[in-house]
Amino acid sequence: MAFSAKHGHLVVCSNLGKVSVRDFTDLDKKIASLKDAQEWCEVAKYSPDEKFLATASHDNNLYVYTVGDDGSYSLYKSFSKHNSFVTAFDWSADGTYIRTQCGAYEKLYFNIPDKTQDAAGLSNTKDLQWATISVKLGWDVQGVHPSGEDGTHVNGVEVSADRSLLVSTDDWGLMNVYNYPVCDSLHEPRSYSGHSEHVVRAKFTPDS
């Protein structure tokens, strides 16, 4: 799900790929139905200025929609560069880039104004700030993967808004909290149990 405070919209993704945009004050009121994805969308996020909505699908594509001032939605660009299902992505703070990860552990960068994949995105975005940090590939999060593990057991990461803490969730039913950044496996988390199955995601409150 994703929420837009600017537009008052709530985005809900179904298992069939359809993305439903609802009025947050009246959830029975449908604003738009986005049917471009052919399989379910695991992640949906508005850009920081809420002029775009992006959804990441298990059909391997990233879909970016323009959100009009009247609350309308239209497909801006479909990016089809991944070879596996897209599991996470982040908007840059200025809304010019999206970085993605997929089930094959590939990390890609997309230039939104140019509507292109940027093969040199890692270097071209080195001075950018990211609105969120939820992609589990990179120097600043690599320590969440224990030595000897292939990384598949870590389901998600999220960094607090004040950039002080990182939480990871895993297949062992744990939520692990680290000081951020987590550059190597020497970092020891505080781990919290309670779930009896895989923990898929965790989020911080806006005040961290």
N, C-alpha and C. Protein backbone atom coordinates (compact mmCIF):
# COMPACT_ATOMS: atom_id res chain seq x y z
N MET A 1 0.83 -1.19 0.00
CA MET A 1 0.00 0.00 0.00
C MET A 1 0.87 1.25 0.00
N ALA A 2 0.28 2.35 -0.44
CA ALA A 2 0.95 3.65 -0.41
C ALA A 2 -0.10 4.70 -0.12
N PHE A 3 0.33 5.78 0.55
CA PHE A 3 -0.59 6.85 0.92
C PHE A 3 -0.06 8.18 0.43
N SER A 4 -0.94 8.99 -0.14
CA SER A 4 -0.61 10.34 -0.57
C SER A 4 -1.37 11.33 0.30
N ALA A 5 -0.63 12.08 1.12
CA ALA A 5 -1.27 13.11 1.94
C ALA A 5 -1.73 14.27 1.07
N LYS A 6 -0.98 14.56 0.02
CA LYS A 6 -1.31 15.68 -0.87
C LYS A 6 -2.65 15.46 -1.56
N HIS A 7 -2.87 14.25 -2.05
CA HIS A 7 -4.09 13.95 -2.80
C HIS A 7 -5.16 13.27 -1.95
N GLY A 8 -4.78 12.78 -0.77
CA GLY A 8 -5.73 12.04 0.06
C GLY A 8 -6.09 10.70 -0.53
N HIS A 9 -5.10 10.03 -1.15
CA HIS A 9 -5.34 8.76 -1.83
C HIS A 9 -4.62 7.62 -1.11
N LEU A 10 -5.25 6.46 -1.11
CA LEU A 10 -4.65 5.23 -0.61
C LEU A 10 -4.56 4.24 -1.77
N VAL A 11 -3.37 3.67 -1.97
CA VAL A 11 -3.12 2.73 -3.07
C VAL A 11 -3.09 1.31 -2.51
N VAL A 12 -3.87 0.42 -3.10
CA VAL A 12 -3.92 -0.98 -2.68
C VAL A 12 -3.64 -1.86 -3.89
N CYS A 13 -2.70 -2.80 -3.74
CA CYS A 13 -2.31 -3.69 -4.84
C CYS A 13 -2.92 -5.08 -4.62
N SER A 14 -3.56 -5.61 -5.63
CA SER A 14 -4.18 -6.93 -5.52
C SER A 14 -3.21 -8.01 -5.98
N ASN A 15 -3.57 -9.27 -5.68
CA ASN A 15 -2.73 -10.40 -6.08
C ASN A 15 -2.73 -10.63 -7.59
N LEU A 16 -3.64 -10.01 -8.30
CA LEU A 16 -3.75 -10.21 -9.75
C LEU A 16 -3.03 -9.13 -10.55
N GLY A 17 -2.47 -8.15 -9.86
CA GLY A 17 -1.74 -7.09 -10.55
C GLY A 17 -2.47 -5.77 -10.60
N LYS A 18 -3.78 -5.78 -10.38
CA LYS A 18 -4.53 -4.53 -10.43
C LYS A 18 -4.17 -3.65 -9.24
N VAL A 19 -4.02 -2.36 -9.52
CA VAL A 19 -3.71 -1.38 -8.48
C VAL A 19 -4.93 -0.47 -8.35
N SER A 20 -5.51 -0.45 -7.16
CA SER A 20 -6.70 0.34 -6.91
C SER A 20 -6.34 1.57 -6.09
N VAL A 21 -6.73 2.75 -6.57
CA VAL A 21 -6.50 4.00 -5.85
C VAL A 21 -7.83 4.43 -5.24
N ARG A 22 -7.82 4.63 -3.91
CA ARG A 22 -9.04 4.93 -3.18
C ARG A 22 -8.96 6.29 -2.49
N ASP A 23 -10.13 6.85 -2.24
CA ASP A 23 -10.22 8.07 -1.45
C ASP A 23 -9.99 7.68 0.01
N PHE A 24 -8.99 8.28 0.66
CA PHE A 24 -8.63 7.85 2.01
C PHE A 24 -9.75 8.14 3.02
N THR A 25 -10.57 9.14 2.76
CA THR A 25 -11.65 9.46 3.69
C THR A 25 -12.90 8.64 3.44
N ASP A 26 -12.94 7.99 2.28
CA ASP A 26 -14.07 7.12 1.91
C ASP A 26 -13.53 5.99 1.05
N LEU A 27 -13.12 4.91 1.70
CA LEU A 27 -12.42 3.84 0.98
C LEU A 27 -13.29 3.13 -0.04
N ASP A 28 -14.60 3.31 0.03
CA ASP A 28 -15.48 2.74 -0.99
C ASP A 28 -15.44 3.53 -2.29
N LYS A 29 -14.88 4.73 -2.24
CA LYS A 29 -14.82 5.59 -3.42
C LYS A 29 -13.54 5.31 -4.19
N LYS A 30 -13.69 4.80 -5.40
CA LYS A 30 -12.54 4.45 -6.24
C LYS A 30 -12.14 5.67 -7.09
N ILE A 31 -10.87 6.02 -7.01
CA ILE A 31 -10.33 7.14 -7.79
C ILE A 31 -9.82 6.66 -9.15
N ALA A 32 -9.11 5.54 -9.14
CA ALA A 32 -8.54 5.00 -10.38
C ALA A 32 -8.27 3.51 -10.20
N SER A 33 -8.26 2.80 -11.33
CA SER A 33 -7.90 1.39 -11.35
C SER A 33 -6.81 1.21 -12.41
N LEU A 34 -5.61 0.87 -11.96
CA LEU A 34 -4.45 0.76 -12.85
C LEU A 34 -4.22 -0.71 -13.17
N LYS A 35 -4.30 -1.07 -14.45
CA LYS A 35 -4.31 -2.48 -14.85
C LYS A 35 -3.15 -2.84 -15.77
N ASP A 36 -2.05 -2.10 -15.71
CA ASP A 36 -0.92 -2.37 -16.61
C ASP A 36 -0.11 -3.58 -16.17
N ALA A 37 0.06 -3.77 -14.87
CA ALA A 37 0.85 -4.90 -14.37
C ALA A 37 0.13 -6.22 -14.65
N GLN A 38 0.89 -7.22 -15.04
CA GLN A 38 0.33 -8.53 -15.36
C GLN A 38 0.37 -9.49 -14.17
N GLU A 39 1.15 -9.13 -13.15
CA GLU A 39 1.20 -9.92 -11.92
C GLU A 39 1.21 -8.96 -10.74
N TRP A 40 1.14 -9.50 -9.54
CA TRP A 40 0.94 -8.65 -8.36
C TRP A 40 2.12 -7.70 -8.13
N CYS A 41 1.78 -6.53 -7.63
CA CYS A 41 2.78 -5.50 -7.34
C CYS A 41 3.16 -5.59 -5.87
N GLU A 42 4.42 -5.85 -5.62
CA GLU A 42 4.88 -6.04 -4.24
C GLU A 42 5.07 -4.71 -3.52
N VAL A 43 5.42 -3.65 -4.26
CA VAL A 43 5.70 -2.37 -3.64
C VAL A 43 5.05 -1.25 -4.45
N ALA A 44 4.53 -0.24 -3.76
CA ALA A 44 4.02 0.97 -4.39
C ALA A 44 4.47 2.16 -3.55
N LYS A 45 4.95 3.22 -4.23
CA LYS A 45 5.40 4.42 -3.50
C LYS A 45 5.16 5.65 -4.36
N TYR A 46 4.72 6.71 -3.69
CA TYR A 46 4.65 8.01 -4.35
C TYR A 46 6.03 8.66 -4.33
N SER A 47 6.29 9.48 -5.34
CA SER A 47 7.51 10.29 -5.34
C SER A 47 7.42 11.30 -4.20
N PRO A 48 8.56 11.85 -3.74
CA PRO A 48 8.52 12.78 -2.61
C PRO A 48 7.59 13.97 -2.82
N ASP A 49 7.47 14.47 -4.06
CA ASP A 49 6.55 15.58 -4.32
C ASP A 49 5.14 15.10 -4.66
N GLU A 50 4.95 13.78 -4.69
CA GLU A 50 3.67 13.12 -4.94
C GLU A 50 3.09 13.45 -6.31
N LYS A 51 3.97 13.80 -7.25
CA LYS A 51 3.53 14.01 -8.64
C LYS A 51 3.55 12.70 -9.44
N PHE A 52 4.20 11.67 -8.87
CA PHE A 52 4.27 10.36 -9.53
C PHE A 52 3.94 9.27 -8.52
N LEU A 53 3.41 8.17 -9.05
CA LEU A 53 3.25 6.93 -8.30
C LEU A 53 4.02 5.85 -9.04
N ALA A 54 4.83 5.08 -8.33
CA ALA A 54 5.54 3.96 -8.94
C ALA A 54 5.10 2.67 -8.28
N THR A 55 4.96 1.61 -9.09
CA THR A 55 4.61 0.29 -8.58
C THR A 55 5.59 -0.73 -9.16
N ALA A 56 6.01 -1.67 -8.33
CA ALA A 56 6.96 -2.70 -8.74
C ALA A 56 6.24 -4.04 -8.78
N SER A 57 6.32 -4.72 -9.93
CA SER A 57 5.50 -5.90 -10.15
C SER A 57 6.32 -7.19 -10.26
N HIS A 58 5.63 -8.30 -10.02
CA HIS A 58 6.23 -9.62 -10.23
C HIS A 58 6.21 -10.03 -11.70
N ASP A 59 5.79 -9.13 -12.58
CA ASP A 59 5.98 -9.38 -14.02
C ASP A 59 7.32 -8.80 -14.49
N ASN A 60 8.19 -8.44 -13.53
CA ASN A 60 9.55 -7.93 -13.75
C ASN A 60 9.61 -6.45 -14.12
N ASN A 61 8.48 -5.77 -14.13
CA ASN A 61 8.45 -4.39 -14.59
C ASN A 61 8.24 -3.40 -13.45
N LEU A 62 8.72 -2.18 -13.70
CA LEU A 62 8.46 -1.04 -12.83
C LEU A 62 7.56 -0.08 -13.61
N TYR A 63 6.42 0.28 -13.01
CA TYR A 63 5.47 1.17 -13.66
C TYR A 63 5.45 2.51 -12.94
N VAL A 64 5.57 3.59 -13.70
CA VAL A 64 5.53 4.94 -13.13
C VAL A 64 4.35 5.68 -13.73
N TYR A 65 3.52 6.24 -12.86
CA TYR A 65 2.32 6.96 -13.29
C TYR A 65 2.43 8.44 -12.91
N THR A 66 1.93 9.30 -13.78
CA THR A 66 1.78 10.71 -13.46
C THR A 66 0.48 10.91 -12.69
N VAL A 67 0.56 11.68 -11.62
CA VAL A 67 -0.63 12.01 -10.84
C VAL A 67 -1.00 13.46 -11.13
N GLY A 68 -2.14 13.67 -11.74
CA GLY A 68 -2.55 15.02 -12.11
C GLY A 68 -3.04 15.82 -10.92
N ASP A 69 -3.10 17.13 -11.09
CA ASP A 69 -3.62 18.00 -10.02
C ASP A 69 -5.07 17.69 -9.70
N ASP A 70 -5.77 17.10 -10.68
CA ASP A 70 -7.16 16.72 -10.47
C ASP A 70 -7.30 15.32 -9.88
N GLY A 71 -6.14 14.69 -9.56
CA GLY A 71 -6.17 13.36 -8.96
C GLY A 71 -6.23 12.23 -9.96
N SER A 72 -6.07 12.53 -11.24
CA SER A 72 -6.10 11.49 -12.27
C SER A 72 -4.74 10.80 -12.37
N TYR A 73 -4.75 9.58 -12.89
CA TYR A 73 -3.53 8.79 -13.04
C TYR A 73 -3.36 8.36 -14.50
N SER A 74 -2.14 8.53 -15.03
CA SER A 74 -1.85 8.08 -16.39
C SER A 74 -0.45 7.49 -16.43
N LEU A 75 -0.29 6.43 -17.22
CA LEU A 75 1.01 5.76 -17.29
C LEU A 75 2.04 6.68 -17.92
N TYR A 76 3.11 6.93 -17.18
CA TYR A 76 4.21 7.79 -17.63
C TYR A 76 5.28 6.99 -18.35
N LYS A 77 5.65 5.83 -17.74
CA LYS A 77 6.67 4.98 -18.35
C LYS A 77 6.64 3.61 -17.68
N SER A 78 6.78 2.57 -18.49
CA SER A 78 6.97 1.21 -17.99
C SER A 78 8.41 0.81 -18.26
N PHE A 79 9.14 0.47 -17.20
CA PHE A 79 10.53 0.05 -17.33
C PHE A 79 10.60 -1.46 -17.23
N SER A 80 11.20 -2.10 -18.25
CA SER A 80 11.19 -3.57 -18.32
C SER A 80 12.61 -4.13 -18.43
N LYS A 81 13.51 -3.64 -17.61
CA LYS A 81 14.92 -4.03 -17.71
C LYS A 81 15.31 -5.18 -16.78
N HIS A 82 14.49 -5.48 -15.79
CA HIS A 82 14.83 -6.56 -14.87
C HIS A 82 14.52 -7.93 -15.48
N ASN A 83 15.27 -8.93 -15.04
CA ASN A 83 15.05 -10.31 -15.48
C ASN A 83 14.31 -11.14 -14.43
N SER A 84 13.93 -10.49 -13.33
CA SER A 84 13.20 -11.19 -12.28
C SER A 84 12.24 -10.20 -11.63
N PHE A 85 11.40 -10.70 -10.75
CA PHE A 85 10.38 -9.87 -10.11
C PHE A 85 11.02 -8.78 -9.25
N VAL A 86 10.43 -7.61 -9.27
CA VAL A 86 10.98 -6.46 -8.55
C VAL A 86 10.43 -6.47 -7.12
N THR A 87 11.34 -6.43 -6.14
CA THR A 87 10.95 -6.62 -4.75
C THR A 87 11.06 -5.36 -3.90
N ALA A 88 11.81 -4.36 -4.35
CA ALA A 88 11.97 -3.13 -3.56
C ALA A 88 12.47 -2.02 -4.47
N PHE A 89 12.16 -0.78 -4.09
CA PHE A 89 12.73 0.36 -4.80
C PHE A 89 12.70 1.60 -3.92
N ASP A 90 13.53 2.57 -4.27
CA ASP A 90 13.59 3.85 -3.57
C ASP A 90 13.55 4.99 -4.57
N TRP A 91 12.83 6.06 -4.21
CA TRP A 91 12.88 7.31 -4.95
C TRP A 91 14.04 8.15 -4.41
N SER A 92 14.71 8.88 -5.28
CA SER A 92 15.64 9.90 -4.80
C SER A 92 14.82 11.04 -4.19
N ALA A 93 15.44 11.80 -3.29
CA ALA A 93 14.72 12.86 -2.60
C ALA A 93 14.20 13.93 -3.55
N ASP A 94 14.89 14.13 -4.69
CA ASP A 94 14.45 15.13 -5.66
C ASP A 94 13.52 14.55 -6.72
N GLY A 95 13.23 13.25 -6.64
CA GLY A 95 12.29 12.62 -7.56
C GLY A 95 12.82 12.36 -8.95
N THR A 96 14.13 12.49 -9.16
CA THR A 96 14.69 12.31 -10.51
C THR A 96 15.14 10.88 -10.79
N TYR A 97 15.32 10.08 -9.76
CA TYR A 97 15.80 8.70 -9.95
C TYR A 97 15.00 7.73 -9.11
N ILE A 98 14.92 6.50 -9.61
CA ILE A 98 14.45 5.36 -8.83
C ILE A 98 15.53 4.28 -8.93
N ARG A 99 15.87 3.68 -7.79
CA ARG A 99 16.75 2.51 -7.79
C ARG A 99 15.92 1.30 -7.35
N THR A 100 16.17 0.17 -8.00
CA THR A 100 15.35 -1.01 -7.78
C THR A 100 16.22 -2.23 -7.50
N GLN A 101 15.62 -3.24 -6.88
CA GLN A 101 16.25 -4.55 -6.75
C GLN A 101 15.23 -5.59 -7.16
N CYS A 102 15.73 -6.73 -7.64
CA CYS A 102 14.82 -7.79 -8.08
C CYS A 102 15.18 -9.11 -7.42
N GLY A 103 14.39 -10.12 -7.72
CA GLY A 103 14.60 -11.44 -7.13
C GLY A 103 15.90 -12.10 -7.52
N ALA A 104 16.53 -11.61 -8.59
CA ALA A 104 17.83 -12.12 -9.02
C ALA A 104 18.98 -11.32 -8.42
N TYR A 105 18.67 -10.44 -7.46
CA TYR A 105 19.67 -9.60 -6.77
C TYR A 105 20.40 -8.68 -7.75
N GLU A 106 19.65 -8.15 -8.67
CA GLU A 106 20.15 -7.14 -9.59
C GLU A 106 19.64 -5.79 -9.10
N LYS A 107 20.53 -4.79 -9.12
CA LYS A 107 20.19 -3.44 -8.69
C LYS A 107 20.31 -2.51 -9.89
N LEU A 108 19.21 -1.84 -10.24
CA LEU A 108 19.20 -0.96 -11.41
C LEU A 108 18.78 0.45 -11.02
N TYR A 109 19.14 1.39 -11.89
CA TYR A 109 18.81 2.80 -11.68
C TYR A 109 18.06 3.33 -12.89
N PHE A 110 17.01 4.12 -12.63
CA PHE A 110 16.20 4.68 -13.71
C PHE A 110 16.13 6.20 -13.57
N ASN A 111 16.45 6.87 -14.68
CA ASN A 111 16.35 8.32 -14.75
C ASN A 111 14.91 8.66 -15.13
N ILE A 112 14.18 9.28 -14.22
CA ILE A 112 12.75 9.51 -14.44
C ILE A 112 12.48 10.61 -15.48
N PRO A 113 13.14 11.77 -15.42
CA PRO A 113 12.89 12.78 -16.46
C PRO A 113 13.22 12.29 -17.87
N ASP A 114 14.31 11.48 -18.00
CA ASP A 114 14.72 10.97 -19.31
C ASP A 114 13.99 9.71 -19.72
N LYS A 115 13.27 9.08 -18.78
CA LYS A 115 12.55 7.83 -19.03
C LYS A 115 13.49 6.72 -19.51
N THR A 116 14.68 6.63 -18.91
CA THR A 116 15.67 5.65 -19.35
C THR A 116 16.27 4.92 -18.15
N GLN A 117 16.78 3.71 -18.41
CA GLN A 117 17.63 3.05 -17.44
C GLN A 117 19.01 3.67 -17.54
N ASP A 118 19.62 3.99 -16.41
CA ASP A 118 20.95 4.59 -16.38
C ASP A 118 21.95 3.51 -15.97
N ALA A 119 22.71 3.02 -16.93
CA ALA A 119 23.70 1.97 -16.65
C ALA A 119 24.80 2.46 -15.71
N ALA A 120 25.02 3.77 -15.69
CA ALA A 120 26.02 4.37 -14.80
C ALA A 120 25.34 5.00 -13.59
N GLY A 121 24.17 4.49 -13.24
CA GLY A 121 23.39 5.09 -12.17
C GLY A 121 24.07 5.12 -10.82
N LEU A 122 24.86 4.09 -10.50
CA LEU A 122 25.54 4.06 -9.21
C LEU A 122 26.44 5.27 -9.03
N SER A 123 27.23 5.58 -10.07
CA SER A 123 28.13 6.74 -9.98
C SER A 123 27.37 8.05 -10.18
N ASN A 124 26.36 8.04 -11.03
CA ASN A 124 25.63 9.28 -11.31
C ASN A 124 24.73 9.73 -10.16
N THR A 125 24.46 8.83 -9.22
CA THR A 125 23.60 9.18 -8.09
C THR A 125 24.38 9.26 -6.77
N LYS A 126 25.71 9.23 -6.85
CA LYS A 126 26.51 9.17 -5.61
C LYS A 126 26.31 10.39 -4.71
N ASP A 127 25.91 11.52 -5.29
CA ASP A 127 25.70 12.72 -4.49
C ASP A 127 24.22 12.97 -4.18
N LEU A 128 23.35 12.06 -4.62
CA LEU A 128 21.92 12.21 -4.36
C LEU A 128 21.55 11.70 -2.98
N GLN A 129 20.56 12.32 -2.38
CA GLN A 129 19.95 11.79 -1.18
C GLN A 129 18.74 10.95 -1.59
N TRP A 130 18.51 9.86 -0.86
CA TRP A 130 17.38 8.98 -1.15
C TRP A 130 16.26 9.24 -0.16
N ALA A 131 15.04 9.34 -0.69
CA ALA A 131 13.89 9.61 0.17
C ALA A 131 13.66 8.47 1.16
N THR A 132 13.91 7.25 0.70
CA THR A 132 13.84 6.07 1.57
C THR A 132 15.05 5.20 1.28
N ILE A 133 15.34 4.30 2.20
CA ILE A 133 16.40 3.30 1.98
C ILE A 133 15.78 1.95 2.30
N SER A 134 15.32 1.26 1.25
CA SER A 134 14.67 -0.04 1.43
C SER A 134 15.24 -1.11 0.50
N VAL A 135 16.22 -0.73 -0.33
CA VAL A 135 16.91 -1.70 -1.18
C VAL A 135 18.02 -2.34 -0.36
N LYS A 136 18.04 -3.67 -0.32
CA LYS A 136 18.97 -4.36 0.58
C LYS A 136 20.32 -4.67 -0.05
N LEU A 137 20.65 -3.99 -1.12
CA LEU A 137 21.94 -4.14 -1.78
C LEU A 137 22.68 -2.81 -1.75
N GLY A 138 23.92 -2.81 -1.24
CA GLY A 138 24.69 -1.58 -1.18
C GLY A 138 25.64 -1.58 0.00
N TRP A 139 26.66 -0.72 -0.06
CA TRP A 139 27.69 -0.71 0.98
C TRP A 139 27.11 -0.38 2.35
N ASP A 140 26.04 0.41 2.40
CA ASP A 140 25.51 0.90 3.67
C ASP A 140 24.58 -0.09 4.36
N VAL A 141 24.22 -1.20 3.67
CA VAL A 141 23.32 -2.20 4.25
C VAL A 141 23.90 -3.60 4.17
N GLN A 142 25.10 -3.74 3.62
CA GLN A 142 25.61 -5.08 3.34
C GLN A 142 25.87 -5.90 4.61
N GLY A 143 26.02 -5.22 5.74
CA GLY A 143 26.28 -5.94 6.98
C GLY A 143 25.09 -6.68 7.55
N VAL A 144 23.90 -6.50 6.98
CA VAL A 144 22.73 -7.23 7.48
C VAL A 144 22.75 -8.68 7.01
N HIS A 145 23.62 -8.99 6.05
CA HIS A 145 23.72 -10.35 5.53
C HIS A 145 24.85 -11.08 6.25
N PRO A 146 24.54 -12.03 7.13
CA PRO A 146 25.60 -12.73 7.87
C PRO A 146 26.56 -13.46 6.95
N SER A 147 27.79 -13.58 7.39
CA SER A 147 28.81 -14.29 6.63
C SER A 147 28.37 -15.73 6.39
N GLY A 148 28.51 -16.19 5.16
CA GLY A 148 28.15 -17.55 4.81
C GLY A 148 26.72 -17.71 4.33
N GLU A 149 25.90 -16.65 4.46
CA GLU A 149 24.52 -16.70 3.97
C GLU A 149 24.44 -16.03 2.60
N ASP A 150 23.52 -16.50 1.77
CA ASP A 150 23.41 -15.93 0.42
C ASP A 150 22.51 -14.71 0.35
N GLY A 151 21.92 -14.33 1.48
CA GLY A 151 21.11 -13.12 1.52
C GLY A 151 19.63 -13.32 1.29
N THR A 152 19.23 -14.52 0.85
CA THR A 152 17.83 -14.72 0.52
C THR A 152 16.93 -14.73 1.75
N HIS A 153 17.50 -14.98 2.93
CA HIS A 153 16.68 -15.04 4.13
C HIS A 153 16.30 -13.65 4.64
N VAL A 154 17.00 -12.61 4.19
CA VAL A 154 16.66 -11.24 4.57
C VAL A 154 15.58 -10.74 3.61
N ASN A 155 14.40 -10.48 4.13
CA ASN A 155 13.27 -10.13 3.28
C ASN A 155 13.17 -8.65 2.99
N GLY A 156 13.59 -7.83 3.92
CA GLY A 156 13.48 -6.40 3.70
C GLY A 156 14.34 -5.61 4.65
N VAL A 157 14.67 -4.39 4.25
CA VAL A 157 15.36 -3.44 5.13
C VAL A 157 14.64 -2.10 5.04
N GLU A 158 14.76 -1.34 6.08
CA GLU A 158 14.19 0.01 6.10
C GLU A 158 15.04 0.85 7.05
N VAL A 159 15.35 2.08 6.64
CA VAL A 159 16.14 2.99 7.45
C VAL A 159 15.24 4.10 7.96
N SER A 160 15.43 4.47 9.22
CA SER A 160 14.61 5.51 9.83
C SER A 160 14.83 6.86 9.15
N ALA A 161 13.85 7.73 9.27
CA ALA A 161 13.90 9.03 8.60
C ALA A 161 15.08 9.87 9.06
N ASP A 162 15.50 9.71 10.32
CA ASP A 162 16.64 10.48 10.81
C ASP A 162 17.98 9.80 10.51
N ARG A 163 17.92 8.68 9.77
CA ARG A 163 19.11 7.95 9.31
C ARG A 163 19.99 7.44 10.46
N SER A 164 19.38 7.12 11.58
CA SER A 164 20.15 6.62 12.72
C SER A 164 20.03 5.10 12.89
N LEU A 165 18.92 4.52 12.44
CA LEU A 165 18.67 3.10 12.66
C LEU A 165 18.25 2.41 11.37
N LEU A 166 18.56 1.13 11.29
CA LEU A 166 18.11 0.27 10.20
C LEU A 166 17.43 -0.94 10.81
N VAL A 167 16.29 -1.33 10.24
CA VAL A 167 15.62 -2.55 10.66
C VAL A 167 15.62 -3.52 9.48
N SER A 168 15.95 -4.78 9.77
CA SER A 168 15.83 -5.83 8.76
C SER A 168 14.85 -6.87 9.26
N THR A 169 14.20 -7.55 8.30
CA THR A 169 13.25 -8.60 8.64
C THR A 169 13.65 -9.87 7.89
N ASP A 170 13.42 -11.03 8.50
CA ASP A 170 13.99 -12.24 7.91
C ASP A 170 13.08 -13.46 8.00
N ASP A 171 13.57 -14.54 7.40
CA ASP A 171 12.81 -15.80 7.35
C ASP A 171 12.79 -16.53 8.69
N TRP A 172 13.57 -16.08 9.65
CA TRP A 172 13.62 -16.73 10.95
C TRP A 172 12.63 -16.12 11.93
N GLY A 173 11.75 -15.25 11.44
CA GLY A 173 10.75 -14.65 12.29
C GLY A 173 11.27 -13.50 13.14
N LEU A 174 12.41 -12.93 12.75
CA LEU A 174 13.04 -11.89 13.55
C LEU A 174 12.92 -10.52 12.91
N MET A 175 12.89 -9.49 13.76
CA MET A 175 13.07 -8.11 13.37
C MET A 175 14.36 -7.64 14.03
N ASN A 176 15.32 -7.21 13.22
CA ASN A 176 16.66 -6.89 13.70
C ASN A 176 16.93 -5.40 13.54
N VAL A 177 17.34 -4.75 14.62
CA VAL A 177 17.57 -3.31 14.60
C VAL A 177 19.07 -3.03 14.76
N TYR A 178 19.62 -2.28 13.80
CA TYR A 178 21.03 -1.93 13.76
C TYR A 178 21.20 -0.42 13.85
N ASN A 179 22.39 0.01 14.27
CA ASN A 179 22.79 1.39 14.03
C ASN A 179 23.14 1.50 12.55
N TYR A 180 22.70 2.57 11.91
CA TYR A 180 22.93 2.78 10.48
C TYR A 180 24.10 3.74 10.29
N PRO A 181 24.98 3.50 9.27
CA PRO A 181 24.97 2.42 8.28
C PRO A 181 25.50 1.11 8.83
N VAL A 182 25.19 0.02 8.10
CA VAL A 182 25.61 -1.32 8.50
C VAL A 182 26.58 -1.81 7.43
N CYS A 183 27.84 -1.46 7.58
CA CYS A 183 28.81 -1.65 6.49
C CYS A 183 29.41 -3.04 6.44
N ASP A 184 29.37 -3.77 7.55
CA ASP A 184 29.95 -5.11 7.55
C ASP A 184 29.24 -5.98 8.57
N SER A 185 29.54 -7.28 8.53
CA SER A 185 28.83 -8.24 9.37
C SER A 185 29.29 -8.21 10.83
N LEU A 186 30.22 -7.30 11.17
CA LEU A 186 30.65 -7.16 12.56
C LEU A 186 29.62 -6.40 13.39
N HIS A 187 28.70 -5.72 12.72
CA HIS A 187 27.64 -4.99 13.43
C HIS A 187 26.69 -5.98 14.09
N GLU A 188 26.43 -5.78 15.38
CA GLU A 188 25.52 -6.66 16.11
C GLU A 188 24.17 -5.98 16.26
N PRO A 189 23.09 -6.62 15.81
CA PRO A 189 21.77 -6.02 15.97
C PRO A 189 21.13 -6.39 17.30
N ARG A 190 20.09 -5.68 17.63
CA ARG A 190 19.16 -6.15 18.65
C ARG A 190 18.04 -6.85 17.89
N SER A 191 17.83 -8.11 18.19
CA SER A 191 16.86 -8.93 17.46
C SER A 191 15.64 -9.20 18.32
N TYR A 192 14.48 -9.06 17.71
CA TYR A 192 13.22 -9.20 18.43
C TYR A 192 12.39 -10.30 17.77
N SER A 193 11.92 -11.25 18.59
CA SER A 193 11.10 -12.34 18.08
C SER A 193 9.65 -12.13 18.50
N GLY A 194 8.78 -12.89 17.93
CA GLY A 194 7.36 -12.79 18.22
C GLY A 194 6.54 -13.41 17.10
N HIS A 195 6.98 -13.17 15.86
CA HIS A 195 6.31 -13.79 14.72
C HIS A 195 6.68 -15.26 14.64
N SER A 196 5.72 -16.08 14.22
CA SER A 196 5.97 -17.51 14.10
C SER A 196 6.38 -17.90 12.68
N GLU A 197 6.37 -16.93 11.77
CA GLU A 197 6.73 -17.18 10.37
C GLU A 197 7.60 -16.06 9.85
N HIS A 198 7.87 -16.11 8.53
CA HIS A 198 8.69 -15.09 7.90
C HIS A 198 8.15 -13.69 8.20
N VAL A 199 9.05 -12.77 8.51
CA VAL A 199 8.67 -11.36 8.64
C VAL A 199 9.03 -10.68 7.33
N VAL A 200 8.02 -10.14 6.67
CA VAL A 200 8.20 -9.64 5.30
C VAL A 200 8.72 -8.20 5.29
N ARG A 201 8.12 -7.31 6.10
CA ARG A 201 8.52 -5.91 6.10
C ARG A 201 8.34 -5.32 7.49
N ALA A 202 9.06 -4.22 7.72
CA ALA A 202 8.87 -3.41 8.93
C ALA A 202 9.02 -1.95 8.53
N LYS A 203 8.33 -1.06 9.21
CA LYS A 203 8.39 0.36 8.92
C LYS A 203 8.59 1.14 10.23
N PHE A 204 9.32 2.24 10.11
CA PHE A 204 9.44 3.18 11.22
C PHE A 204 8.30 4.19 11.15
N THR A 205 7.92 4.72 12.29
CA THR A 205 7.01 5.85 12.31
C THR A 205 7.74 7.08 11.74
N PRO A 206 7.02 8.08 11.26
CA PRO A 206 7.67 9.25 10.66
C PRO A 206 8.69 9.95 11.56
N ASP A 207 8.46 9.89 12.89
CA ASP A 207 9.42 10.54 13.80
C ASP A 207 10.57 9.62 14.21
N SER A 208 10.67 8.46 13.50
CA SER A 208 11.74 7.48 13.72
C SER A 208 11.65 6.78 15.07
